[in-house]
Amino acid sequence: MFARTITVNLKANSSAEFTRTLESQIIPLLRKQKGFQDEVTLLAPRGTEAVAISFWDQKENADAYAREVYPEVLKALSKIVEGTPKVESHEVSNSTFHKIAAHVAA
């Protein structure tokens, strides 16, 4: 399993709009993507920062999303995000929710 994390700085008083945009525009886009597994979004207590973690069956599908659909996501968030989002990619090593255990090297 593969994960993409996106960290964004939110404009003042925009956390509610951020949540609505995720629910109404971004998550429906993600659900249509090949290999998409799950989305977890974390919001800082003061609502000034958010971290979105999307889970994918394999890196190639996450990369296709990044090339083909992520620009639409940036456009949808442009009115509520300050600066450039920070994007990172990760191999998932453990997940109790997704029932993934770390592979032990022999």
PDB file of N, CA and C in Angstrom:
ATOM      1  N   MET A   1       0.841  -1.176   0.000  1.00  0.00           N
ATOM      2  CA  MET A   1       0.000   0.000   0.000  1.00  0.00           C
ATOM      3  C   MET A   1       0.886   1.239   0.000  1.00  0.00           C
ATOM      4  N   PHE A   2       0.369   2.283  -0.560  1.00  0.00           N
ATOM      5  CA  PHE A   2       1.113   3.511  -0.748  1.00  0.00           C
ATOM      6  C   PHE A   2       0.284   4.672  -0.205  1.00  0.00           C
ATOM      7  N   ALA A   3       0.939   5.705   0.312  1.00  0.00           N
ATOM      8  CA  ALA A   3       0.230   6.873   0.847  1.00  0.00           C
ATOM      9  C   ALA A   3       0.859   8.156   0.333  1.00  0.00           C
ATOM     10  N   ARG A   4      -0.003   9.160   0.133  1.00  0.00           N
ATOM     11  CA  ARG A   4       0.440  10.519  -0.194  1.00  0.00           C
ATOM     12  C   ARG A   4      -0.042  11.410   0.937  1.00  0.00           C
ATOM     13  N   THR A   5       0.862  12.229   1.475  1.00  0.00           N
ATOM     14  CA  THR A   5       0.454  13.196   2.485  1.00  0.00           C
ATOM     15  C   THR A   5       0.573  14.590   1.901  1.00  0.00           C
ATOM     16  N   ILE A   6      -0.426  15.375   2.187  1.00  0.00           N
ATOM     17  CA  ILE A   6      -0.449  16.760   1.722  1.00  0.00           C
ATOM     18  C   ILE A   6      -0.706  17.643   2.933  1.00  0.00           C
ATOM     19  N   THR A   7       0.209  18.557   3.197  1.00  0.00           N
ATOM     20  CA  THR A   7       0.070  19.490   4.306  1.00  0.00           C
ATOM     21  C   THR A   7      -0.217  20.870   3.731  1.00  0.00           C
ATOM     22  N   VAL A   8      -1.282  21.500   4.239  1.00  0.00           N
ATOM     23  CA  VAL A   8      -1.661  22.824   3.739  1.00  0.00           C
ATOM     24  C   VAL A   8      -1.829  23.799   4.897  1.00  0.00           C
ATOM     25  N   ASN A   9      -1.507  25.049   4.636  1.00  0.00           N
ATOM     26  CA  ASN A   9      -1.785  26.134   5.576  1.00  0.00           C
ATOM     27  C   ASN A   9      -3.093  26.764   5.130  1.00  0.00           C
ATOM     28  N   LEU A  10      -4.047  26.822   6.055  1.00  0.00           N
ATOM     29  CA  LEU A  10      -5.365  27.366   5.727  1.00  0.00           C
ATOM     30  C   LEU A  10      -5.441  28.853   6.039  1.00  0.00           C
ATOM     31  N   LYS A  11      -6.190  29.552   5.225  1.00  0.00           N
ATOM     32  CA  LYS A  11      -6.442  30.963   5.493  1.00  0.00           C
ATOM     33  C   LYS A  11      -7.287  31.065   6.763  1.00  0.00           C
ATOM     34  N   ALA A  12      -7.231  32.217   7.401  1.00  0.00           N
ATOM     35  CA  ALA A  12      -7.972  32.440   8.646  1.00  0.00           C
ATOM     36  C   ALA A  12      -9.454  32.136   8.468  1.00  0.00           C
ATOM     37  N   ASN A  13     -10.011  31.467   9.447  1.00  0.00           N
ATOM     38  CA  ASN A  13     -11.441  31.157   9.503  1.00  0.00           C
ATOM     39  C   ASN A  13     -11.951  30.365   8.302  1.00  0.00           C
ATOM     40  N   SER A  14     -11.118  29.507   7.732  1.00  0.00           N
ATOM     41  CA  SER A  14     -11.564  28.746   6.564  1.00  0.00           C
ATOM     42  C   SER A  14     -11.643  27.239   6.804  1.00  0.00           C
ATOM     43  N   SER A  15     -11.485  26.796   8.044  1.00  0.00           N
ATOM     44  CA  SER A  15     -11.488  25.354   8.300  1.00  0.00           C
ATOM     45  C   SER A  15     -12.833  24.712   7.958  1.00  0.00           C
ATOM     46  N   ALA A  16     -13.932  25.387   8.223  1.00  0.00           N
ATOM     47  CA  ALA A  16     -15.249  24.819   7.890  1.00  0.00           C
ATOM     48  C   ALA A  16     -15.407  24.707   6.374  1.00  0.00           C
ATOM     49  N   GLU A  17     -14.979  25.721   5.653  1.00  0.00           N
ATOM     50  CA  GLU A  17     -15.050  25.676   4.193  1.00  0.00           C
ATOM     51  C   GLU A  17     -14.119  24.590   3.638  1.00  0.00           C
ATOM     52  N   PHE A  18     -12.965  24.417   4.260  1.00  0.00           N
ATOM     53  CA  PHE A  18     -12.043  23.356   3.860  1.00  0.00           C
ATOM     54  C   PHE A  18     -12.722  21.991   3.990  1.00  0.00           C
ATOM     55  N   THR A  19     -13.368  21.758   5.123  1.00  0.00           N
ATOM     56  CA  THR A  19     -14.054  20.486   5.356  1.00  0.00           C
ATOM     57  C   THR A  19     -15.180  20.274   4.346  1.00  0.00           C
ATOM     58  N   ARG A  20     -15.954  21.311   4.079  1.00  0.00           N
ATOM     59  CA  ARG A  20     -17.040  21.207   3.080  1.00  0.00           C
ATOM     60  C   ARG A  20     -16.488  20.905   1.691  1.00  0.00           C
ATOM     61  N   THR A  21     -15.395  21.560   1.318  1.00  0.00           N
ATOM     62  CA  THR A  21     -14.785  21.338   0.009  1.00  0.00           C
ATOM     63  C   THR A  21     -14.290  19.899  -0.121  1.00  0.00           C
ATOM     64  N   LEU A  22     -13.687  19.386   0.936  1.00  0.00           N
ATOM     65  CA  LEU A  22     -13.248  17.987   0.924  1.00  0.00           C
ATOM     66  C   LEU A  22     -14.429  17.054   0.685  1.00  0.00           C
ATOM     67  N   GLU A  23     -15.489  17.250   1.454  1.00  0.00           N
ATOM     68  CA  GLU A  23     -16.649  16.353   1.378  1.00  0.00           C
ATOM     69  C   GLU A  23     -17.391  16.454   0.051  1.00  0.00           C
ATOM     70  N   SER A  24     -17.518  17.661  -0.467  1.00  0.00           N
ATOM     71  CA  SER A  24     -18.356  17.843  -1.660  1.00  0.00           C
ATOM     72  C   SER A  24     -17.606  17.726  -2.985  1.00  0.00           C
ATOM     73  N   GLN A  25     -16.302  18.008  -2.992  1.00  0.00           N
ATOM     74  CA  GLN A  25     -15.570  18.023  -4.251  1.00  0.00           C
ATOM     75  C   GLN A  25     -14.405  17.037  -4.321  1.00  0.00           C
ATOM     76  N   ILE A  26     -13.565  17.031  -3.293  1.00  0.00           N
ATOM     77  CA  ILE A  26     -12.322  16.276  -3.375  1.00  0.00           C
ATOM     78  C   ILE A  26     -12.518  14.777  -3.136  1.00  0.00           C
ATOM     79  N   ILE A  27     -13.233  14.414  -2.096  1.00  0.00           N
ATOM     80  CA  ILE A  27     -13.444  12.989  -1.833  1.00  0.00           C
ATOM     81  C   ILE A  27     -14.206  12.312  -2.977  1.00  0.00           C
ATOM     82  N   PRO A  28     -15.229  12.944  -3.558  1.00  0.00           N
ATOM     83  CA  PRO A  28     -15.854  12.309  -4.729  1.00  0.00           C
ATOM     84  C   PRO A  28     -14.871  12.084  -5.891  1.00  0.00           C
ATOM     85  N   LEU A  29     -13.952  13.022  -6.103  1.00  0.00           N
ATOM     86  CA  LEU A  29     -12.920  12.832  -7.134  1.00  0.00           C
ATOM     87  C   LEU A  29     -12.014  11.645  -6.800  1.00  0.00           C
ATOM     88  N   LEU A  30     -11.603  11.563  -5.546  1.00  0.00           N
ATOM     89  CA  LEU A  30     -10.727  10.472  -5.126  1.00  0.00           C
ATOM     90  C   LEU A  30     -11.394   9.115  -5.319  1.00  0.00           C
ATOM     91  N   ARG A  31     -12.662   9.032  -4.959  1.00  0.00           N
ATOM     92  CA  ARG A  31     -13.378   7.748  -5.062  1.00  0.00           C
ATOM     93  C   ARG A  31     -13.454   7.225  -6.492  1.00  0.00           C
ATOM     94  N   LYS A  32     -13.327   8.092  -7.463  1.00  0.00           N
ATOM     95  CA  LYS A  32     -13.386   7.690  -8.873  1.00  0.00           C
ATOM     96  C   LYS A  32     -12.033   7.203  -9.404  1.00  0.00           C
ATOM     97  N   GLN A  33     -10.972   7.367  -8.609  1.00  0.00           N
ATOM     98  CA  GLN A  33      -9.629   7.055  -9.083  1.00  0.00           C
ATOM     99  C   GLN A  33      -9.287   5.583  -8.895  1.00  0.00           C
ATOM    100  N   LYS A  34      -8.670   5.019  -9.891  1.00  0.00           N
ATOM    101  CA  LYS A  34      -8.224   3.633  -9.834  1.00  0.00           C
ATOM    102  C   LYS A  34      -7.227   3.465  -8.694  1.00  0.00           C
ATOM    103  N   GLY A  35      -7.459   2.474  -7.851  1.00  0.00           N
ATOM    104  CA  GLY A  35      -6.528   2.154  -6.779  1.00  0.00           C
ATOM    105  C   GLY A  35      -6.708   2.943  -5.502  1.00  0.00           C
ATOM    106  N   PHE A  36      -7.628   3.914  -5.484  1.00  0.00           N
ATOM    107  CA  PHE A  36      -7.850   4.697  -4.263  1.00  0.00           C
ATOM    108  C   PHE A  36      -8.439   3.790  -3.191  1.00  0.00           C
ATOM    109  N   GLN A  37      -7.910   3.899  -1.956  1.00  0.00           N
ATOM    110  CA  GLN A  37      -8.349   3.061  -0.853  1.00  0.00           C
ATOM    111  C   GLN A  37      -9.053   3.844   0.264  1.00  0.00           C
ATOM    112  N   ASP A  38      -8.487   4.984   0.642  1.00  0.00           N
ATOM    113  CA  ASP A  38      -9.008   5.701   1.805  1.00  0.00           C
ATOM    114  C   ASP A  38      -8.422   7.106   1.852  1.00  0.00           C
ATOM    115  N   GLU A  39      -9.088   7.976   2.581  1.00  0.00           N
ATOM    116  CA  GLU A  39      -8.615   9.340   2.816  1.00  0.00           C
ATOM    117  C   GLU A  39      -8.813   9.641   4.296  1.00  0.00           C
ATOM    118  N   VAL A  40      -7.767  10.143   4.945  1.00  0.00           N
ATOM    119  CA  VAL A  40      -7.836  10.591   6.329  1.00  0.00           C
ATOM    120  C   VAL A  40      -7.345  12.025   6.341  1.00  0.00           C
ATOM    121  N   THR A  41      -8.131  12.912   6.946  1.00  0.00           N
ATOM    122  CA  THR A  41      -7.747  14.320   7.003  1.00  0.00           C
ATOM    123  C   THR A  41      -7.670  14.753   8.459  1.00  0.00           C
ATOM    124  N   LEU A  42      -6.593  15.419   8.792  1.00  0.00           N
ATOM    125  CA  LEU A  42      -6.360  15.907  10.149  1.00  0.00           C
ATOM    126  C   LEU A  42      -6.362  17.431  10.121  1.00  0.00           C
ATOM    127  N   LEU A  43      -7.017  18.035  11.097  1.00  0.00           N
ATOM    128  CA  LEU A  43      -7.105  19.487  11.171  1.00  0.00           C
ATOM    129  C   LEU A  43      -6.488  19.945  12.488  1.00  0.00           C
ATOM    130  N   ALA A  44      -5.551  20.870  12.420  1.00  0.00           N
ATOM    131  CA  ALA A  44      -4.906  21.396  13.626  1.00  0.00           C
ATOM    132  C   ALA A  44      -5.954  22.060  14.521  1.00  0.00           C
ATOM    133  N   PRO A  45      -5.751  22.047  15.844  1.00  0.00           N
ATOM    134  CA  PRO A  45      -6.741  22.600  16.774  1.00  0.00           C
ATOM    135  C   PRO A  45      -7.202  24.024  16.458  1.00  0.00           C
ATOM    136  N   ARG A  46      -6.318  24.851  15.999  1.00  0.00           N
ATOM    137  CA  ARG A  46      -6.704  26.240  15.692  1.00  0.00           C
ATOM    138  C   ARG A  46      -7.227  26.395  14.271  1.00  0.00           C
ATOM    139  N   GLY A  47      -7.229  25.315  13.504  1.00  0.00           N
ATOM    140  CA  GLY A  47      -7.751  25.350  12.144  1.00  0.00           C
ATOM    141  C   GLY A  47      -6.864  26.060  11.150  1.00  0.00           C
ATOM    142  N   THR A  48      -5.584  26.160  11.460  1.00  0.00           N
ATOM    143  CA  THR A  48      -4.676  26.880  10.564  1.00  0.00           C
ATOM    144  C   THR A  48      -3.879  25.957   9.656  1.00  0.00           C
ATOM    145  N   GLU A  49      -3.908  24.672   9.949  1.00  0.00           N
ATOM    146  CA  GLU A  49      -3.158  23.709   9.158  1.00  0.00           C
ATOM    147  C   GLU A  49      -3.971  22.425   9.046  1.00  0.00           C
ATOM    148  N   ALA A  50      -3.843  21.767   7.900  1.00  0.00           N
ATOM    149  CA  ALA A  50      -4.495  20.472   7.692  1.00  0.00           C
ATOM    150  C   ALA A  50      -3.522  19.528   7.015  1.00  0.00           C
ATOM    151  N   VAL A  51      -3.661  18.261   7.340  1.00  0.00           N
ATOM    152  CA  VAL A  51      -2.876  17.207   6.701  1.00  0.00           C
ATOM    153  C   VAL A  51      -3.863  16.196   6.139  1.00  0.00           C
ATOM    154  N   ALA A  52      -3.745  15.930   4.853  1.00  0.00           N
ATOM    155  CA  ALA A  52      -4.596  14.938   4.200  1.00  0.00           C
ATOM    156  C   ALA A  52      -3.718  13.761   3.798  1.00  0.00           C
ATOM    157  N   ILE A  53      -4.173  12.571   4.141  1.00  0.00           N
ATOM    158  CA  ILE A  53      -3.433  11.356   3.802  1.00  0.00           C
ATOM    159  C   ILE A  53      -4.342  10.495   2.935  1.00  0.00           C
ATOM    160  N   SER A  54      -3.906  10.259   1.713  1.00  0.00           N
ATOM    161  CA  SER A  54      -4.669   9.360   0.847  1.00  0.00           C
ATOM    162  C   SER A  54      -3.908   8.052   0.714  1.00  0.00           C
ATOM    163  N   PHE A  55      -4.656   6.948   0.718  1.00  0.00           N
ATOM    164  CA  PHE A  55      -4.079   5.618   0.639  1.00  0.00           C
ATOM    165  C   PHE A  55      -4.437   4.993  -0.707  1.00  0.00           C
ATOM    166  N   TRP A  56      -3.448   4.347  -1.297  1.00  0.00           N
ATOM    167  CA  TRP A  56      -3.568   3.779  -2.642  1.00  0.00           C
ATOM    168  C   TRP A  56      -3.084   2.345  -2.644  1.00  0.00           C
ATOM    169  N   ASP A  57      -3.627   1.550  -3.569  1.00  0.00           N
ATOM    170  CA  ASP A  57      -3.216   0.158  -3.654  1.00  0.00           C
ATOM    171  C   ASP A  57      -1.776   0.011  -4.121  1.00  0.00           C
ATOM    172  N   GLN A  58      -1.333   0.927  -4.981  1.00  0.00           N
ATOM    173  CA  GLN A  58       0.043   0.883  -5.462  1.00  0.00           C
ATOM    174  C   GLN A  58       0.496   2.273  -5.914  1.00  0.00           C
ATOM    175  N   LYS A  59       1.793   2.453  -5.937  1.00  0.00           N
ATOM    176  CA  LYS A  59       2.407   3.740  -6.258  1.00  0.00           C
ATOM    177  C   LYS A  59       1.974   4.268  -7.623  1.00  0.00           C
ATOM    178  N   GLU A  60       1.863   3.400  -8.618  1.00  0.00           N
ATOM    179  CA  GLU A  60       1.520   3.829  -9.972  1.00  0.00           C
ATOM    180  C   GLU A  60       0.157   4.523 -10.019  1.00  0.00           C
ATOM    181  N   ASN A  61      -0.796   4.038  -9.246  1.00  0.00           N
ATOM    182  CA  ASN A  61      -2.112   4.672  -9.234  1.00  0.00           C
ATOM    183  C   ASN A  61      -2.085   6.017  -8.511  1.00  0.00           C
ATOM    184  N   ALA A  62      -1.304   6.108  -7.453  1.00  0.00           N
ATOM    185  CA  ALA A  62      -1.144   7.389  -6.758  1.00  0.00           C
ATOM    186  C   ALA A  62      -0.458   8.399  -7.669  1.00  0.00           C
ATOM    187  N   ASP A  63       0.528   7.942  -8.419  1.00  0.00           N
ATOM    188  CA  ASP A  63       1.229   8.830  -9.349  1.00  0.00           C
ATOM    189  C   ASP A  63       0.301   9.312 -10.467  1.00  0.00           C
ATOM    190  N   ALA A  64      -0.556   8.426 -10.972  1.00  0.00           N
ATOM    191  CA  ALA A  64      -1.513   8.815 -12.011  1.00  0.00           C
ATOM    192  C   ALA A  64      -2.465   9.882 -11.481  1.00  0.00           C
ATOM    193  N   TYR A  65      -2.943   9.698 -10.257  1.00  0.00           N
ATOM    194  CA  TYR A  65      -3.799  10.702  -9.620  1.00  0.00           C
ATOM    195  C   TYR A  65      -3.058  12.040  -9.508  1.00  0.00           C
ATOM    196  N   ALA A  66      -1.799  11.990  -9.083  1.00  0.00           N
ATOM    197  CA  ALA A  66      -1.013  13.213  -8.914  1.00  0.00           C
ATOM    198  C   ALA A  66      -0.884  13.977 -10.226  1.00  0.00           C
ATOM    199  N   ARG A  67      -0.701  13.262 -11.311  1.00  0.00           N
ATOM    200  CA  ARG A  67      -0.549  13.904 -12.627  1.00  0.00           C
ATOM    201  C   ARG A  67      -1.876  14.400 -13.189  1.00  0.00           C
ATOM    202  N   GLU A  68      -2.908  13.578 -13.081  1.00  0.00           N
ATOM    203  CA  GLU A  68      -4.144  13.828 -13.820  1.00  0.00           C
ATOM    204  C   GLU A  68      -5.237  14.554 -13.043  1.00  0.00           C
ATOM    205  N   VAL A  69      -5.306  14.362 -11.737  1.00  0.00           N
ATOM    206  CA  VAL A  69      -6.440  14.894 -10.969  1.00  0.00           C
ATOM    207  C   VAL A  69      -6.025  15.911  -9.910  1.00  0.00           C
ATOM    208  N   TYR A  70      -4.853  15.741  -9.323  1.00  0.00           N
ATOM    209  CA  TYR A  70      -4.401  16.640  -8.257  1.00  0.00           C
ATOM    210  C   TYR A  70      -4.439  18.116  -8.659  1.00  0.00           C
ATOM    211  N   PRO A  71      -4.137  18.491  -9.919  1.00  0.00           N
ATOM    212  CA  PRO A  71      -4.279  19.906 -10.293  1.00  0.00           C
ATOM    213  C   PRO A  71      -5.702  20.441 -10.081  1.00  0.00           C
ATOM    214  N   GLU A  72      -6.724  19.593 -10.266  1.00  0.00           N
ATOM    215  CA  GLU A  72      -8.111  20.001  -9.994  1.00  0.00           C
ATOM    216  C   GLU A  72      -8.326  20.230  -8.506  1.00  0.00           C
ATOM    217  N   VAL A  73      -7.702  19.399  -7.684  1.00  0.00           N
ATOM    218  CA  VAL A  73      -7.797  19.536  -6.229  1.00  0.00           C
ATOM    219  C   VAL A  73      -7.185  20.869  -5.798  1.00  0.00           C
ATOM    220  N   LEU A  74      -6.020  21.179  -6.325  1.00  0.00           N
ATOM    221  CA  LEU A  74      -5.382  22.461  -5.999  1.00  0.00           C
ATOM    222  C   LEU A  74      -6.272  23.637  -6.375  1.00  0.00           C
ATOM    223  N   LYS A  75      -6.917  23.535  -7.513  1.00  0.00           N
ATOM    224  CA  LYS A  75      -7.815  24.597  -7.959  1.00  0.00           C
ATOM    225  C   LYS A  75      -9.000  24.745  -6.995  1.00  0.00           C
ATOM    226  N   ALA A  76      -9.558  23.621  -6.552  1.00  0.00           N
ATOM    227  CA  ALA A  76     -10.689  23.658  -5.621  1.00  0.00           C
ATOM    228  C   ALA A  76     -10.296  24.270  -4.275  1.00  0.00           C
ATOM    229  N   LEU A  77      -9.044  24.085  -3.881  1.00  0.00           N
ATOM    230  CA  LEU A  77      -8.576  24.593  -2.585  1.00  0.00           C
ATOM    231  C   LEU A  77      -7.967  25.989  -2.652  1.00  0.00           C
ATOM    232  N   SER A  78      -7.807  26.529  -3.837  1.00  0.00           N
ATOM    233  CA  SER A  78      -7.052  27.775  -4.008  1.00  0.00           C
ATOM    234  C   SER A  78      -7.589  28.957  -3.197  1.00  0.00           C
ATOM    235  N   LYS A  79      -8.877  29.015  -2.939  1.00  0.00           N
ATOM    236  CA  LYS A  79      -9.443  30.147  -2.200  1.00  0.00           C
ATOM    237  C   LYS A  79      -9.278  30.026  -0.688  1.00  0.00           C
ATOM    238  N   ILE A  80      -8.913  28.830  -0.203  1.00  0.00           N
ATOM    239  CA  ILE A  80      -8.844  28.633   1.243  1.00  0.00           C
ATOM    240  C   ILE A  80      -7.460  28.220   1.750  1.00  0.00           C
ATOM    241  N   VAL A  81      -6.516  28.040   0.827  1.00  0.00           N
ATOM    242  CA  VAL A  81      -5.163  27.623   1.203  1.00  0.00           C
ATOM    243  C   VAL A  81      -4.180  28.758   0.948  1.00  0.00           C
ATOM    244  N   GLU A  82      -3.258  28.944   1.905  1.00  0.00           N
ATOM    245  CA  GLU A  82      -2.183  29.929   1.739  1.00  0.00           C
ATOM    246  C   GLU A  82      -0.903  29.191   1.368  1.00  0.00           C
ATOM    247  N   GLY A  83      -0.195  29.729   0.399  1.00  0.00           N
ATOM    248  CA  GLY A  83       1.077  29.132   0.015  1.00  0.00           C
ATOM    249  C   GLY A  83       0.905  27.856  -0.791  1.00  0.00           C
ATOM    250  N   THR A  84       2.001  27.147  -0.959  1.00  0.00           N
ATOM    251  CA  THR A  84       2.024  25.916  -1.739  1.00  0.00           C
ATOM    252  C   THR A  84       1.929  24.713  -0.811  1.00  0.00           C
ATOM    253  N   PRO A  85       0.982  23.810  -1.058  1.00  0.00           N
ATOM    254  CA  PRO A  85       0.894  22.605  -0.230  1.00  0.00           C
ATOM    255  C   PRO A  85       2.177  21.781  -0.315  1.00  0.00           C
ATOM    256  N   LYS A  86       2.517  21.128   0.773  1.00  0.00           N
ATOM    257  CA  LYS A  86       3.681  20.243   0.823  1.00  0.00           C
ATOM    258  C   LYS A  86       3.179  18.816   0.580  1.00  0.00           C
ATOM    259  N   VAL A  87       3.719  18.171  -0.438  1.00  0.00           N
ATOM    260  CA  VAL A  87       3.301  16.821  -0.815  1.00  0.00           C
ATOM    261  C   VAL A  87       4.454  15.852  -0.580  1.00  0.00           C
ATOM    262  N   GLU A  88       4.153  14.738   0.066  1.00  0.00           N
ATOM    263  CA  GLU A  88       5.140  13.685   0.280  1.00  0.00           C
ATOM    264  C   GLU A  88       4.508  12.339  -0.038  1.00  0.00           C
ATOM    265  N   SER A  89       5.335  11.394  -0.431  1.00  0.00           N
ATOM    266  CA  SER A  89       4.873  10.045  -0.738  1.00  0.00           C
ATOM    267  C   SER A  89       5.539   9.059   0.205  1.00  0.00           C
ATOM    268  N   HIS A  90       4.792   8.003   0.562  1.00  0.00           N
ATOM    269  CA  HIS A  90       5.295   7.036   1.529  1.00  0.00           C
ATOM    270  C   HIS A  90       4.800   5.634   1.196  1.00  0.00           C
ATOM    271  N   GLU A  91       5.609   4.661   1.489  1.00  0.00           N
ATOM    272  CA  GLU A  91       5.180   3.267   1.468  1.00  0.00           C
ATOM    273  C   GLU A  91       4.564   3.008   2.842  1.00  0.00           C
ATOM    274  N   VAL A  92       3.389   2.412   2.898  1.00  0.00           N
ATOM    275  CA  VAL A  92       2.738   2.120   4.175  1.00  0.00           C
ATOM    276  C   VAL A  92       3.371   0.859   4.750  1.00  0.00           C
ATOM    277  N   SER A  93       3.907   0.976   5.961  1.00  0.00           N
ATOM    278  CA  SER A  93       4.544  -0.190   6.570  1.00  0.00           C
ATOM    279  C   SER A  93       3.642  -0.869   7.595  1.00  0.00           C
ATOM    280  N   ASN A  94       2.794  -0.104   8.274  1.00  0.00           N
ATOM    281  CA  ASN A  94       1.867  -0.658   9.257  1.00  0.00           C
ATOM    282  C   ASN A  94       0.550   0.101   9.216  1.00  0.00           C
ATOM    283  N   SER A  95      -0.539  -0.615   9.388  1.00  0.00           N
ATOM    284  CA  SER A  95      -1.846   0.012   9.538  1.00  0.00           C
ATOM    285  C   SER A  95      -2.781  -0.980  10.215  1.00  0.00           C
ATOM    286  N   THR A  96      -3.268  -0.633  11.387  1.00  0.00           N
ATOM    287  CA  THR A  96      -4.237  -1.517  12.040  1.00  0.00           C
ATOM    288  C   THR A  96      -5.573  -1.462  11.306  1.00  0.00           C
ATOM    289  N   PHE A  97      -5.912  -0.305  10.763  1.00  0.00           N
ATOM    290  CA  PHE A  97      -7.172  -0.150  10.037  1.00  0.00           C
ATOM    291  C   PHE A  97      -7.177  -0.946   8.739  1.00  0.00           C
ATOM    292  N   HIS A  98      -6.083  -0.858   8.003  1.00  0.00           N
ATOM    293  CA  HIS A  98      -5.986  -1.551   6.718  1.00  0.00           C
ATOM    294  C   HIS A  98      -5.410  -2.956   6.861  1.00  0.00           C
ATOM    295  N   LYS A  99      -5.127  -3.352   8.109  1.00  0.00           N
ATOM    296  CA  LYS A  99      -4.594  -4.681   8.418  1.00  0.00           C
ATOM    297  C   LYS A  99      -3.308  -4.976   7.635  1.00  0.00           C
ATOM    298  N   ILE A 100      -2.370  -4.023   7.731  1.00  0.00           N
ATOM    299  CA  ILE A 100      -1.069  -4.165   7.089  1.00  0.00           C
ATOM    300  C   ILE A 100      -0.014  -4.264   8.176  1.00  0.00           C
ATOM    301  N   ALA A 101       0.865  -5.223   8.038  1.00  0.00           N
ATOM    302  CA  ALA A 101       1.986  -5.376   8.986  1.00  0.00           C
ATOM    303  C   ALA A 101       3.284  -5.146   8.239  1.00  0.00           C
ATOM    304  N   ALA A 102       4.272  -4.675   8.957  1.00  0.00           N
ATOM    305  CA  ALA A 102       5.591  -4.438   8.348  1.00  0.00           C
ATOM    306  C   ALA A 102       6.153  -5.758   7.851  1.00  0.00           C
ATOM    307  N   HIS A 103       6.801  -5.692   6.709  1.00  0.00           N
ATOM    308  CA  HIS A 103       7.488  -6.866   6.167  1.00  0.00           C
ATOM    309  C   HIS A 103       8.831  -6.983   6.877  1.00  0.00           C
ATOM    310  N   VAL A 104       9.092  -8.146   7.434  1.00  0.00           N
ATOM    311  CA  VAL A 104      10.336  -8.366   8.152  1.00  0.00           C
ATOM    312  C   VAL A 104      11.360  -8.952   7.191  1.00  0.00           C
ATOM    313  N   ALA A 105      12.530  -8.305   7.107  1.00  0.00           N
ATOM    314  CA  ALA A 105      13.594  -8.803   6.237  1.00  0.00           C
ATOM    315  C   ALA A 105      14.165 -10.090   6.825  1.00  0.00           C
ATOM    316  N   ALA A 106      14.362 -11.063   5.979  1.00  0.00           N
ATOM    317  CA  ALA A 106      14.883 -12.353   6.447  1.00  0.00           C
ATOM    318  C   ALA A 106      16.387 -12.325   6.572  1.00  0.00           C
TER     319      ALA A 106
END
